[in-house]
Amino acid sequence: MIDVVGTLRRGWQQLIAHIDFPLFCITLAIMAIGLATVHSATFDGNQRVLSQAGNMGVAMIIMWFVSRLPPQKLMSFAIPLYVLGLVLLVAVFLFGIKINGARRWLSLGFTRIQPSEIMKIAMPLMLAWYFQKYEATLRFKHYVVAALLLIVPFALIAKQPDLGTALLVGAAGFYVIFFAGLPWKIIIGMIVVGASAAPFIWGMLHDYQQKRILTLIDPTTDPLGSGYHIIQATIAIGSGGAIGKGYLNGTQTHLEFIPEKHTDFIFAVFSEEWGLMGNLVLLFLYTMLIGRGLMIASAAPTLFSRLLAGAITLGFFTYAFINMGMVSGILPVVGVPLPFMSYGGTALVTLFLGIGMLMSIHTHRMLVKK
């Protein structure tokens, strides 16, 4: 007689064998808040909610597959993925589609792709592989090569222009180089050089990028133009008060004052409806997510997995910090979504690729030690 219960139990155990439940539950909680907020922001219809739920399903399936791959397998993807991303970025520079003044997409005939998204994962993967390869003979020249590997795609993405994605890719690469042991005297030297080159960098920025930075200092200089996003977002956050106006009761949201309310400015919608208390809960969840990621990084058995896990985790922090900072009016608006909250399929898939890699590193750590 077939042991149906035993077979189902073994199948279930096999299905969840590489899922890290603390990480998965924290991510689910943030996504649930995000889906409810997308529903409130697009209250006139459920199309975007259903679409985002579908995006979440696809992203979690990808996470599940990636979590089953051992870190050695992930390492084998480093060079092919990095080269593919670089070739596609060059193709965007030469043949990309220009929309609203930005050349960020490639047409495949049946759909469009944004190759810079590949670099969010390919960059930390490549640099972690590089430092693993030269772990025993690490010299100053290796940091120089790593910086070149980072600067080329960063410059191609910034040229599109897509400053938000360029910052995320640059941060992911920098975290790997930093965790690999970049000396503090070089970091301080880079800060001094960067500050000295500020006038030159300012001249290289596009007009709208300069305007966004100037608007940050005083949004009221152009309240109906470049300052509109910041002004409306800060009004929404402030009007939420301590406990918020209540779910589906945000006036700034439902009277259409908040721009991009279901994507980049979803934090303003959430803050208006749930107030300071809701924000504290959300910050607590993000802190838990980052804390769990850092725990996985600290327990990783190899340099490659430690660097990769650390860079992915601090990448989540960078996402959240830049988004909340720009919506709150303390950072320029650069078009970075709030991780696991904002509407959008491509960004969600990239984020869950990172979650899947963290689960792979954690659940395969004993196998690596053996």
Foldseek 3Di string as FASTA:
>chain_A
DDPPVVVVVVVVCVQCLLPDVLLVVLLVVQLVLLLLLLCLLPVVDCPLSVVLVVLLVVLVVLLSVLSPDAVVVLLVCQVVLLVVLLVVLVCLVVPADADPRFSAWDDPPVDIDGSLLSLLQNLLSNLLSLCLVCVPPDDPVSLVVLVVSLVSSLVSDCVSPQPVSSVLSNLLSVLLSVVSPDDPVVVVVVVVVCVVCVVVVLVVDDPLVNVLVVCLVPVVVCCPPSSQQQVLLQVLLVQLAAAAPARSPRPSSVVVSHPLCQWLSVVSSQNRHGNPVSVVVSVVSLVSNLVVLQVLLVLFDGSSLNSLSNSLSVSLVVLQCQSVCCSNSNHGDRRRTNASNHRDNSSSSSNSSSVSSSSSRRSCRVVVVD
